[in-house]
Amino acid sequence: MSKTIKGPDGHPRCGWCGAAPEFLDYHDTEWGFPVKDDRRLFEKLCLEGFQAGLSWRTILAKRENFRAAFYNFDFDRIARFTQRDINRLLKDEGIVRHRGKIEAVVNNAKRARELVRQAGSLAAFIWRYEPGAEQLAEPQRVAKSAESMALSKDLKKLGWKFVGPTTVYAFMQAMGLINDHLEECVVRAKAEKARRKFKIPC
């Protein structure tokens, strides 16, 4: 069975993007492209946390609802959430109403503010864990790596929640710390070009 599928333009793509209609655009324009915007990085860490035990399709379908509920993942604002906000979110049918995951977002927003004060930005901290070329596994062959385990461990030491090594690896794939597009995938070269132009935050 082929690892790739043929896209609407006739070019091969990673097979997973054929599992749901909404996956194609996400695969072609977001997944694997490097990101340094703190809010987008925080959003993705939160959404990967919400995905735990669920499918990415469920989370992606609700992403705009999550953005509305969490004020576009403005962690400075979320850090000030009270129990009243948590109760509001637990009644929001547009998101995943899991108390532990919602409370983790509020907790992580506070930790994100602390990390920005320490490291200058979330991006500056997170991109320290970009693996070298010699450390990369064959695309889409592993669910965690030494780097995702290290980032997970260090975030947990700083008080973050729902940031296990598998969750963090999925985050690293999506945010471009790893180009995990298959070698045959037409988007791999585009993501690699974006990575070459990307200036790592410091």
N, C-alpha and C. Protein backbone atom coordinates (compact mmCIF):
# COMPACT_ATOMS: atom_id res chain seq x y z
N MET A 1 0.85 -1.20 0.00
CA MET A 1 0.00 0.00 0.00
C MET A 1 0.88 1.25 0.00
N SER A 2 0.59 2.18 -0.89
CA SER A 2 1.39 3.37 -1.02
C SER A 2 1.24 4.26 0.19
N LYS A 3 2.34 4.93 0.56
CA LYS A 3 2.30 5.87 1.68
C LYS A 3 1.71 7.20 1.24
N THR A 4 1.69 7.43 -0.07
CA THR A 4 1.21 8.71 -0.58
C THR A 4 -0.14 8.55 -1.28
N ILE A 5 -0.81 9.66 -1.47
CA ILE A 5 -2.02 9.71 -2.29
C ILE A 5 -1.82 10.75 -3.37
N LYS A 6 -2.59 10.68 -4.40
CA LYS A 6 -2.52 11.67 -5.47
C LYS A 6 -3.48 12.80 -5.13
N GLY A 7 -2.96 14.03 -5.09
CA GLY A 7 -3.79 15.19 -4.78
C GLY A 7 -4.62 15.62 -5.97
N PRO A 8 -5.47 16.62 -5.81
CA PRO A 8 -6.32 17.10 -6.90
C PRO A 8 -5.54 17.64 -8.08
N ASP A 9 -4.27 18.02 -7.84
CA ASP A 9 -3.43 18.50 -8.93
C ASP A 9 -2.61 17.38 -9.57
N GLY A 10 -2.82 16.15 -9.11
CA GLY A 10 -2.11 15.01 -9.66
C GLY A 10 -0.79 14.69 -9.00
N HIS A 11 -0.34 15.54 -8.07
CA HIS A 11 0.94 15.33 -7.40
C HIS A 11 0.76 14.52 -6.12
N PRO A 12 1.78 13.73 -5.76
CA PRO A 12 1.68 12.91 -4.55
C PRO A 12 1.77 13.73 -3.28
N ARG A 13 1.06 13.27 -2.28
CA ARG A 13 1.07 13.90 -0.96
C ARG A 13 1.08 12.82 0.11
N CYS A 14 1.41 13.23 1.34
CA CYS A 14 1.38 12.31 2.47
C CYS A 14 -0.01 11.67 2.55
N GLY A 15 -0.03 10.36 2.73
CA GLY A 15 -1.30 9.63 2.70
C GLY A 15 -2.31 10.09 3.72
N TRP A 16 -1.84 10.58 4.89
CA TRP A 16 -2.80 10.94 5.94
C TRP A 16 -3.71 12.09 5.55
N CYS A 17 -3.27 12.93 4.60
CA CYS A 17 -4.09 14.10 4.28
C CYS A 17 -5.31 13.72 3.44
N GLY A 18 -5.41 12.45 3.04
CA GLY A 18 -6.60 12.01 2.31
C GLY A 18 -7.67 11.45 3.22
N ALA A 19 -7.41 11.45 4.53
CA ALA A 19 -8.35 10.85 5.48
C ALA A 19 -9.59 11.70 5.72
N ALA A 20 -9.50 12.99 5.45
CA ALA A 20 -10.64 13.89 5.65
C ALA A 20 -10.47 15.09 4.72
N PRO A 21 -11.55 15.62 4.18
CA PRO A 21 -11.45 16.74 3.23
C PRO A 21 -10.69 17.95 3.77
N GLU A 22 -10.87 18.24 5.07
CA GLU A 22 -10.24 19.43 5.65
C GLU A 22 -8.74 19.26 5.86
N PHE A 23 -8.24 18.04 5.73
CA PHE A 23 -6.82 17.80 5.95
C PHE A 23 -5.94 18.33 4.82
N LEU A 24 -6.46 18.37 3.60
CA LEU A 24 -5.63 18.71 2.44
C LEU A 24 -5.04 20.11 2.56
N ASP A 25 -5.87 21.09 2.84
CA ASP A 25 -5.36 22.47 2.95
C ASP A 25 -4.43 22.61 4.14
N TYR A 26 -4.77 21.97 5.24
CA TYR A 26 -3.90 22.01 6.43
C TYR A 26 -2.54 21.41 6.09
N HIS A 27 -2.53 20.29 5.40
CA HIS A 27 -1.29 19.63 4.99
C HIS A 27 -0.47 20.50 4.04
N ASP A 28 -1.15 21.12 3.09
CA ASP A 28 -0.45 21.86 2.03
C ASP A 28 0.05 23.23 2.48
N THR A 29 -0.59 23.84 3.47
CA THR A 29 -0.25 25.22 3.81
C THR A 29 0.27 25.44 5.22
N GLU A 30 0.09 24.46 6.11
CA GLU A 30 0.50 24.66 7.50
C GLU A 30 1.49 23.61 8.01
N TRP A 31 1.14 22.36 7.86
CA TRP A 31 1.87 21.28 8.52
C TRP A 31 3.32 21.20 8.01
N GLY A 32 4.26 21.36 8.92
CA GLY A 32 5.67 21.27 8.56
C GLY A 32 6.33 22.57 8.17
N PHE A 33 5.56 23.66 8.10
CA PHE A 33 6.14 24.96 7.77
C PHE A 33 6.55 25.66 9.07
N PRO A 34 7.74 26.22 9.13
CA PRO A 34 8.26 26.76 10.39
C PRO A 34 7.48 27.97 10.89
N VAL A 35 7.29 28.00 12.20
CA VAL A 35 6.50 29.05 12.86
C VAL A 35 7.32 29.65 14.00
N LYS A 36 7.31 30.97 14.09
CA LYS A 36 7.97 31.63 15.22
C LYS A 36 7.04 32.57 15.98
N ASP A 37 5.79 32.67 15.55
CA ASP A 37 4.82 33.51 16.24
C ASP A 37 4.41 32.84 17.55
N ASP A 38 4.61 33.53 18.66
CA ASP A 38 4.34 32.93 19.97
C ASP A 38 2.90 32.48 20.14
N ARG A 39 1.98 33.27 19.63
CA ARG A 39 0.58 32.92 19.82
C ARG A 39 0.23 31.65 19.06
N ARG A 40 0.75 31.52 17.86
CA ARG A 40 0.49 30.30 17.09
C ARG A 40 1.15 29.09 17.74
N LEU A 41 2.32 29.26 18.28
CA LEU A 41 2.99 28.16 18.97
C LEU A 41 2.20 27.74 20.20
N PHE A 42 1.73 28.72 20.95
CA PHE A 42 0.94 28.40 22.14
C PHE A 42 -0.37 27.73 21.75
N GLU A 43 -1.02 28.24 20.72
CA GLU A 43 -2.26 27.64 20.24
C GLU A 43 -2.06 26.17 19.89
N LYS A 44 -1.00 25.89 19.16
CA LYS A 44 -0.79 24.51 18.71
C LYS A 44 -0.48 23.58 19.88
N LEU A 45 0.30 24.05 20.84
CA LEU A 45 0.56 23.22 22.03
C LEU A 45 -0.75 22.92 22.75
N CYS A 46 -1.62 23.92 22.86
CA CYS A 46 -2.90 23.71 23.52
C CYS A 46 -3.78 22.74 22.74
N LEU A 47 -3.86 22.92 21.43
CA LEU A 47 -4.72 22.05 20.63
C LEU A 47 -4.20 20.62 20.61
N GLU A 48 -2.89 20.46 20.59
CA GLU A 48 -2.34 19.10 20.67
C GLU A 48 -2.69 18.47 22.02
N GLY A 49 -2.71 19.28 23.07
CA GLY A 49 -3.13 18.78 24.38
C GLY A 49 -4.59 18.36 24.38
N PHE A 50 -5.44 19.15 23.73
CA PHE A 50 -6.85 18.79 23.62
C PHE A 50 -7.03 17.52 22.80
N GLN A 51 -6.12 17.27 21.85
CA GLN A 51 -6.27 16.10 20.99
C GLN A 51 -6.02 14.80 21.74
N ALA A 52 -5.31 14.83 22.84
CA ALA A 52 -4.96 13.61 23.57
C ALA A 52 -6.19 12.72 23.75
N GLY A 53 -6.13 11.51 23.20
CA GLY A 53 -7.24 10.57 23.29
C GLY A 53 -8.30 10.78 22.22
N LEU A 54 -8.12 11.79 21.38
CA LEU A 54 -9.08 12.09 20.32
C LEU A 54 -8.36 12.10 18.97
N SER A 55 -9.08 12.42 17.91
CA SER A 55 -8.48 12.52 16.58
C SER A 55 -8.18 13.98 16.26
N TRP A 56 -7.16 14.20 15.41
CA TRP A 56 -6.86 15.57 14.98
C TRP A 56 -8.02 16.14 14.17
N ARG A 57 -8.77 15.28 13.48
CA ARG A 57 -9.90 15.77 12.70
C ARG A 57 -10.92 16.45 13.62
N THR A 58 -11.15 15.87 14.78
CA THR A 58 -12.09 16.45 15.74
C THR A 58 -11.63 17.84 16.16
N ILE A 59 -10.34 17.98 16.45
CA ILE A 59 -9.81 19.26 16.91
C ILE A 59 -9.77 20.28 15.78
N LEU A 60 -9.33 19.86 14.60
CA LEU A 60 -9.25 20.79 13.47
C LEU A 60 -10.63 21.32 13.11
N ALA A 61 -11.64 20.46 13.17
CA ALA A 61 -13.00 20.89 12.86
C ALA A 61 -13.52 21.93 13.85
N LYS A 62 -12.99 21.90 15.07
CA LYS A 62 -13.43 22.82 16.11
C LYS A 62 -12.45 23.98 16.32
N ARG A 63 -11.41 24.07 15.49
CA ARG A 63 -10.35 25.03 15.75
C ARG A 63 -10.85 26.47 15.84
N GLU A 64 -11.71 26.86 14.94
CA GLU A 64 -12.21 28.24 15.01
C GLU A 64 -13.02 28.47 16.28
N ASN A 65 -13.73 27.45 16.74
CA ASN A 65 -14.46 27.57 18.00
C ASN A 65 -13.49 27.72 19.17
N PHE A 66 -12.41 26.95 19.14
CA PHE A 66 -11.39 27.08 20.18
C PHE A 66 -10.80 28.49 20.17
N ARG A 67 -10.52 29.01 19.00
CA ARG A 67 -9.94 30.35 18.89
C ARG A 67 -10.88 31.39 19.47
N ALA A 68 -12.16 31.25 19.20
CA ALA A 68 -13.13 32.21 19.74
C ALA A 68 -13.23 32.07 21.26
N ALA A 69 -13.25 30.85 21.74
CA ALA A 69 -13.42 30.60 23.17
C ALA A 69 -12.22 31.07 23.99
N PHE A 70 -11.02 30.96 23.38
CA PHE A 70 -9.79 31.31 24.10
C PHE A 70 -9.16 32.60 23.58
N TYR A 71 -9.98 33.47 22.99
CA TYR A 71 -9.50 34.79 22.56
C TYR A 71 -8.24 34.69 21.70
N ASN A 72 -8.33 33.82 20.67
CA ASN A 72 -7.22 33.61 19.74
C ASN A 72 -5.93 33.22 20.45
N PHE A 73 -6.09 32.52 21.56
CA PHE A 73 -4.96 31.99 22.32
C PHE A 73 -3.96 33.07 22.74
N ASP A 74 -4.53 34.21 23.11
CA ASP A 74 -3.74 35.29 23.70
C ASP A 74 -3.40 34.85 25.13
N PHE A 75 -2.19 34.35 25.33
CA PHE A 75 -1.90 33.75 26.64
C PHE A 75 -1.81 34.79 27.76
N ASP A 76 -1.54 36.04 27.43
CA ASP A 76 -1.57 37.08 28.46
C ASP A 76 -3.00 37.23 29.00
N ARG A 77 -3.97 37.14 28.12
CA ARG A 77 -5.37 37.26 28.53
C ARG A 77 -5.86 35.99 29.23
N ILE A 78 -5.49 34.83 28.67
CA ILE A 78 -5.93 33.56 29.26
C ILE A 78 -5.36 33.39 30.67
N ALA A 79 -4.15 33.89 30.90
CA ALA A 79 -3.52 33.76 32.21
C ALA A 79 -4.34 34.43 33.30
N ARG A 80 -5.22 35.34 32.91
CA ARG A 80 -6.06 36.05 33.89
C ARG A 80 -7.45 35.41 34.05
N PHE A 81 -7.66 34.27 33.38
CA PHE A 81 -8.95 33.59 33.49
C PHE A 81 -9.22 33.20 34.94
N THR A 82 -10.49 33.27 35.31
CA THR A 82 -10.93 32.88 36.64
C THR A 82 -11.80 31.63 36.54
N GLN A 83 -12.26 31.17 37.67
CA GLN A 83 -13.16 30.00 37.68
C GLN A 83 -14.40 30.27 36.86
N ARG A 84 -14.82 31.51 36.82
CA ARG A 84 -15.99 31.87 36.01
C ARG A 84 -15.74 31.59 34.52
N ASP A 85 -14.53 31.90 34.06
CA ASP A 85 -14.18 31.62 32.67
C ASP A 85 -14.15 30.11 32.41
N ILE A 86 -13.60 29.36 33.35
CA ILE A 86 -13.55 27.91 33.20
C ILE A 86 -14.96 27.33 33.14
N ASN A 87 -15.84 27.82 33.98
CA ASN A 87 -17.24 27.36 33.96
C ASN A 87 -17.90 27.69 32.63
N ARG A 88 -17.59 28.88 32.10
CA ARG A 88 -18.12 29.25 30.78
C ARG A 88 -17.66 28.28 29.70
N LEU A 89 -16.38 27.94 29.73
CA LEU A 89 -15.82 27.04 28.72
C LEU A 89 -16.38 25.63 28.84
N LEU A 90 -16.66 25.21 30.05
CA LEU A 90 -17.23 23.87 30.26
C LEU A 90 -18.64 23.76 29.69
N LYS A 91 -19.28 24.90 29.42
CA LYS A 91 -20.62 24.90 28.83
C LYS A 91 -20.59 25.15 27.32
N ASP A 92 -19.39 25.37 26.78
CA ASP A 92 -19.24 25.71 25.36
C ASP A 92 -19.24 24.43 24.52
N GLU A 93 -20.33 24.18 23.81
CA GLU A 93 -20.46 22.96 23.02
C GLU A 93 -19.58 22.97 21.77
N GLY A 94 -18.99 24.12 21.45
CA GLY A 94 -18.16 24.21 20.25
C GLY A 94 -16.75 23.70 20.44
N ILE A 95 -16.36 23.44 21.70
CA ILE A 95 -15.01 22.96 21.98
C ILE A 95 -15.09 21.61 22.68
N VAL A 96 -13.94 21.06 23.04
CA VAL A 96 -13.89 19.84 23.84
C VAL A 96 -14.01 20.24 25.30
N ARG A 97 -15.10 19.81 25.93
CA ARG A 97 -15.39 20.25 27.31
C ARG A 97 -14.80 19.27 28.31
N HIS A 98 -13.49 19.34 28.43
CA HIS A 98 -12.74 18.47 29.34
C HIS A 98 -12.10 19.38 30.38
N ARG A 99 -12.54 19.25 31.62
CA ARG A 99 -12.09 20.18 32.66
C ARG A 99 -10.57 20.21 32.78
N GLY A 100 -9.95 19.05 32.82
CA GLY A 100 -8.51 18.99 32.98
C GLY A 100 -7.75 19.68 31.86
N LYS A 101 -8.23 19.52 30.63
CA LYS A 101 -7.56 20.13 29.49
C LYS A 101 -7.78 21.64 29.46
N ILE A 102 -8.98 22.07 29.82
CA ILE A 102 -9.27 23.50 29.89
C ILE A 102 -8.42 24.16 30.96
N GLU A 103 -8.37 23.54 32.12
CA GLU A 103 -7.56 24.09 33.21
C GLU A 103 -6.08 24.08 32.85
N ALA A 104 -5.65 23.10 32.04
CA ALA A 104 -4.26 23.04 31.60
C ALA A 104 -3.92 24.24 30.71
N VAL A 105 -4.85 24.66 29.87
CA VAL A 105 -4.61 25.82 29.00
C VAL A 105 -4.40 27.07 29.85
N VAL A 106 -5.23 27.24 30.87
CA VAL A 106 -5.09 28.41 31.75
C VAL A 106 -3.75 28.34 32.50
N ASN A 107 -3.44 27.17 33.01
CA ASN A 107 -2.15 26.99 33.68
C ASN A 107 -0.99 27.28 32.73
N ASN A 108 -1.08 26.72 31.52
CA ASN A 108 0.02 26.87 30.57
C ASN A 108 0.17 28.31 30.09
N ALA A 109 -0.93 29.04 30.07
CA ALA A 109 -0.84 30.46 29.71
C ALA A 109 0.01 31.21 30.74
N LYS A 110 -0.17 30.89 32.01
CA LYS A 110 0.64 31.51 33.06
C LYS A 110 2.10 31.12 32.91
N ARG A 111 2.33 29.84 32.60
CA ARG A 111 3.70 29.36 32.42
C ARG A 111 4.33 30.00 31.16
N ALA A 112 3.50 30.24 30.13
CA ALA A 112 4.01 30.87 28.91
C ALA A 112 4.48 32.29 29.19
N ARG A 113 3.73 33.01 29.99
CA ARG A 113 4.14 34.38 30.36
C ARG A 113 5.48 34.36 31.10
N GLU A 114 5.64 33.40 31.99
CA GLU A 114 6.90 33.27 32.73
C GLU A 114 8.05 32.94 31.79
N LEU A 115 7.76 32.06 30.83
CA LEU A 115 8.81 31.64 29.89
C LEU A 115 9.24 32.79 28.99
N VAL A 116 8.29 33.61 28.58
CA VAL A 116 8.63 34.78 27.77
C VAL A 116 9.54 35.73 28.55
N ARG A 117 9.27 35.89 29.83
CA ARG A 117 10.13 36.75 30.65
C ARG A 117 11.54 36.16 30.78
N GLN A 118 11.62 34.85 30.83
CA GLN A 118 12.92 34.19 31.00
C GLN A 118 13.72 34.09 29.70
N ALA A 119 13.03 33.71 28.62
CA ALA A 119 13.72 33.39 27.37
C ALA A 119 13.56 34.46 26.29
N GLY A 120 12.70 35.44 26.52
CA GLY A 120 12.48 36.47 25.51
C GLY A 120 11.25 36.20 24.67
N SER A 121 11.00 34.93 24.36
CA SER A 121 9.82 34.53 23.60
C SER A 121 9.66 33.02 23.71
N LEU A 122 8.45 32.56 23.47
CA LEU A 122 8.25 31.10 23.41
C LEU A 122 9.07 30.51 22.28
N ALA A 123 9.09 31.21 21.16
CA ALA A 123 9.81 30.71 19.99
C ALA A 123 11.29 30.51 20.29
N ALA A 124 11.90 31.47 20.98
CA ALA A 124 13.32 31.36 21.29
C ALA A 124 13.61 30.12 22.13
N PHE A 125 12.70 29.82 23.04
CA PHE A 125 12.87 28.63 23.88
C PHE A 125 12.64 27.35 23.08
N ILE A 126 11.53 27.29 22.37
CA ILE A 126 11.12 26.06 21.68
C ILE A 126 12.09 25.67 20.58
N TRP A 127 12.58 26.65 19.81
CA TRP A 127 13.45 26.32 18.69
C TRP A 127 14.85 25.85 19.12
N ARG A 128 15.15 25.93 20.41
CA ARG A 128 16.40 25.33 20.89
C ARG A 128 16.38 23.81 20.73
N TYR A 129 15.18 23.26 20.58
CA TYR A 129 15.02 21.80 20.53
C TYR A 129 14.90 21.27 19.11
N GLU A 130 15.16 22.13 18.13
CA GLU A 130 15.14 21.65 16.74
C GLU A 130 16.22 20.60 16.56
N PRO A 131 15.88 19.41 16.07
CA PRO A 131 16.90 18.38 15.89
C PRO A 131 17.82 18.67 14.71
N GLY A 132 19.04 18.22 14.80
CA GLY A 132 19.95 18.32 13.67
C GLY A 132 19.60 17.30 12.61
N ALA A 133 20.07 17.51 11.40
CA ALA A 133 19.73 16.61 10.29
C ALA A 133 20.11 15.17 10.59
N GLU A 134 21.22 14.99 11.30
CA GLU A 134 21.69 13.63 11.60
C GLU A 134 20.82 12.94 12.64
N GLN A 135 19.95 13.69 13.32
CA GLN A 135 19.11 13.12 14.37
C GLN A 135 17.70 12.78 13.88
N LEU A 136 17.40 13.13 12.63
CA LEU A 136 16.05 12.92 12.13
C LEU A 136 15.81 11.48 11.71
N ALA A 137 14.65 10.97 12.08
CA ALA A 137 14.25 9.63 11.67
C ALA A 137 13.66 9.71 10.27
N GLU A 138 13.46 8.57 9.65
CA GLU A 138 12.77 8.54 8.36
C GLU A 138 11.38 9.13 8.57
N PRO A 139 10.92 9.99 7.64
CA PRO A 139 9.64 10.67 7.84
C PRO A 139 8.51 9.74 8.24
N GLN A 140 7.75 10.20 9.25
CA GLN A 140 6.53 9.56 9.73
C GLN A 140 6.75 8.12 10.21
N ARG A 141 7.93 7.85 10.74
CA ARG A 141 8.23 6.52 11.26
C ARG A 141 8.19 6.45 12.78
N VAL A 142 8.25 7.59 13.45
CA VAL A 142 8.27 7.58 14.92
C VAL A 142 7.20 8.52 15.46
N ALA A 143 6.82 8.31 16.72
CA ALA A 143 5.82 9.15 17.36
C ALA A 143 6.41 10.05 18.43
N LYS A 144 7.71 9.88 18.71
CA LYS A 144 8.42 10.75 19.63
C LYS A 144 9.90 10.63 19.32
N SER A 145 10.68 11.54 19.86
CA SER A 145 12.11 11.57 19.58
C SER A 145 12.84 12.03 20.84
N ALA A 146 14.16 11.96 20.78
CA ALA A 146 14.96 12.45 21.91
C ALA A 146 14.67 13.92 22.17
N GLU A 147 14.50 14.69 21.10
CA GLU A 147 14.24 16.12 21.25
C GLU A 147 12.85 16.39 21.82
N SER A 148 11.85 15.62 21.37
CA SER A 148 10.50 15.85 21.92
C SER A 148 10.45 15.41 23.38
N MET A 149 11.21 14.39 23.73
CA MET A 149 11.26 13.97 25.14
C MET A 149 11.95 15.02 25.99
N ALA A 150 12.99 15.64 25.43
CA ALA A 150 13.71 16.68 26.18
C ALA A 150 12.84 17.92 26.36
N LEU A 151 12.16 18.35 25.30
CA LEU A 151 11.29 19.52 25.39
C LEU A 151 10.13 19.24 26.34
N SER A 152 9.54 18.06 26.24
CA SER A 152 8.46 17.67 27.14
C SER A 152 8.93 17.71 28.60
N LYS A 153 10.08 17.14 28.85
CA LYS A 153 10.61 17.08 30.22
C LYS A 153 10.85 18.49 30.76
N ASP A 154 11.43 19.35 29.94
CA ASP A 154 11.75 20.70 30.40
C ASP A 154 10.50 21.55 30.60
N LEU A 155 9.50 21.38 29.72
CA LEU A 155 8.24 22.10 29.92
C LEU A 155 7.56 21.64 31.21
N LYS A 156 7.58 20.34 31.46
CA LYS A 156 6.96 19.83 32.69
C LYS A 156 7.67 20.37 33.92
N LYS A 157 8.99 20.48 33.85
CA LYS A 157 9.75 21.06 34.97
C LYS A 157 9.32 22.49 35.24
N LEU A 158 8.92 23.18 34.17
CA LEU A 158 8.48 24.57 34.30
C LEU A 158 7.01 24.68 34.67
N GLY A 159 6.36 23.53 34.87
CA GLY A 159 4.98 23.53 35.33
C GLY A 159 3.90 23.38 34.27
N TRP A 160 4.30 23.13 33.00
CA TRP A 160 3.32 22.95 31.93
C TRP A 160 2.62 21.60 32.09
N LYS A 161 1.38 21.51 31.58
CA LYS A 161 0.60 20.28 31.64
C LYS A 161 0.13 19.86 30.25
N PHE A 162 -0.15 18.57 30.09
CA PHE A 162 -0.58 17.99 28.82
C PHE A 162 0.47 18.23 27.73
N VAL A 163 1.73 18.03 28.09
CA VAL A 163 2.82 18.22 27.13
C VAL A 163 3.73 16.98 27.16
N GLY A 164 3.13 15.80 27.01
CA GLY A 164 3.90 14.57 26.95
C GLY A 164 4.74 14.51 25.69
N PRO A 165 5.72 13.61 25.60
CA PRO A 165 6.63 13.56 24.45
C PRO A 165 5.96 13.29 23.11
N THR A 166 4.87 12.51 23.10
CA THR A 166 4.16 12.26 21.84
C THR A 166 3.40 13.50 21.39
N THR A 167 2.75 14.16 22.35
CA THR A 167 2.06 15.43 22.06
C THR A 167 3.06 16.46 21.53
N VAL A 168 4.21 16.54 22.18
CA VAL A 168 5.22 17.52 21.78
C VAL A 168 5.80 17.18 20.42
N TYR A 169 5.96 15.89 20.11
CA TYR A 169 6.48 15.51 18.80
C TYR A 169 5.50 15.93 17.70
N ALA A 170 4.21 15.71 17.92
CA ALA A 170 3.20 16.14 16.94
C ALA A 170 3.25 17.66 16.75
N PHE A 171 3.45 18.37 17.84
CA PHE A 171 3.61 19.83 17.79
C PHE A 171 4.83 20.20 16.96
N MET A 172 5.96 19.52 17.17
CA MET A 172 7.19 19.82 16.43
C MET A 172 7.03 19.53 14.94
N GLN A 173 6.32 18.47 14.61
CA GLN A 173 6.03 18.17 13.20
C GLN A 173 5.23 19.31 12.58
N ALA A 174 4.18 19.71 13.27
CA ALA A 174 3.26 20.71 12.71
C ALA A 174 3.88 22.08 12.58
N MET A 175 4.72 22.46 13.55
CA MET A 175 5.29 23.80 13.59
C MET A 175 6.62 23.92 12.84
N GLY A 176 7.02 22.86 12.15
CA GLY A 176 8.17 22.94 11.27
C GLY A 176 9.52 22.73 11.90
N LEU A 177 9.58 22.34 13.17
CA LEU A 177 10.87 21.99 13.76
C LEU A 177 11.42 20.72 13.11
N ILE A 178 10.48 19.95 12.55
CA ILE A 178 10.82 18.75 11.79
C ILE A 178 10.06 18.83 10.48
N ASN A 179 10.72 18.54 9.38
CA ASN A 179 10.01 18.42 8.11
C ASN A 179 9.70 16.94 7.93
N ASP A 180 8.49 16.54 8.33
CA ASP A 180 8.14 15.13 8.31
C ASP A 180 7.28 14.75 7.11
N HIS A 181 7.22 15.62 6.12
CA HIS A 181 6.56 15.23 4.87
C HIS A 181 7.37 14.09 4.23
N LEU A 182 6.68 13.15 3.65
CA LEU A 182 7.35 12.04 2.98
C LEU A 182 8.23 12.56 1.85
N GLU A 183 9.27 11.82 1.54
CA GLU A 183 10.21 12.23 0.50
C GLU A 183 9.49 12.46 -0.83
N GLU A 184 8.48 11.66 -1.11
CA GLU A 184 7.76 11.76 -2.39
C GLU A 184 6.72 12.87 -2.40
N CYS A 185 6.40 13.42 -1.24
CA CYS A 185 5.32 14.40 -1.14
C CYS A 185 5.73 15.72 -1.79
N VAL A 186 4.85 16.28 -2.60
CA VAL A 186 5.14 17.51 -3.33
C VAL A 186 5.34 18.70 -2.39
N VAL A 187 4.78 18.61 -1.18
CA VAL A 187 4.89 19.73 -0.24
C VAL A 187 6.22 19.71 0.51
N ARG A 188 6.90 18.58 0.53
CA ARG A 188 8.15 18.49 1.30
C ARG A 188 9.16 19.56 0.86
N ALA A 189 9.33 19.72 -0.43
CA ALA A 189 10.30 20.69 -0.94
C ALA A 189 9.88 22.12 -0.57
N LYS A 190 8.58 22.39 -0.58
CA LYS A 190 8.09 23.73 -0.21
C LYS A 190 8.37 24.00 1.26
N ALA A 191 8.14 22.99 2.10
CA ALA A 191 8.40 23.16 3.52
C ALA A 191 9.89 23.33 3.77
N GLU A 192 10.70 22.60 3.04
CA GLU A 192 12.15 22.70 3.21
C GLU A 192 12.66 24.07 2.77
N LYS A 193 12.09 24.59 1.70
CA LYS A 193 12.46 25.93 1.23
C LYS A 193 12.11 26.97 2.29
N ALA A 194 10.94 26.82 2.90
CA ALA A 194 10.53 27.75 3.96
C ALA A 194 11.47 27.63 5.15
N ARG A 195 11.91 26.43 5.45
CA ARG A 195 12.83 26.23 6.56
C ARG A 195 14.19 26.89 6.28
N ARG A 196 14.64 26.82 5.04
CA ARG A 196 15.93 27.44 4.70
C ARG A 196 15.87 28.96 4.85
N LYS A 197 14.73 29.54 4.58
CA LYS A 197 14.57 30.99 4.70
C LYS A 197 14.26 31.43 6.13
N PHE A 198 13.92 30.49 6.95
CA PHE A 198 13.49 30.79 8.32
C PHE A 198 14.65 31.18 9.20
N LYS A 199 14.50 32.28 9.93
CA LYS A 199 15.51 32.71 10.86
C LYS A 199 15.11 32.27 12.26
N ILE A 200 15.92 31.40 12.84
CA ILE A 200 15.59 30.85 14.16
C ILE A 200 15.62 31.97 15.19
N PRO A 201 14.56 32.12 15.96
CA PRO A 201 14.52 33.19 16.99
C PRO A 201 15.58 32.97 18.05
N CYS A 202 16.08 34.06 18.59
CA CYS A 202 17.07 33.92 19.65
C CYS A 202 16.85 35.02 20.70
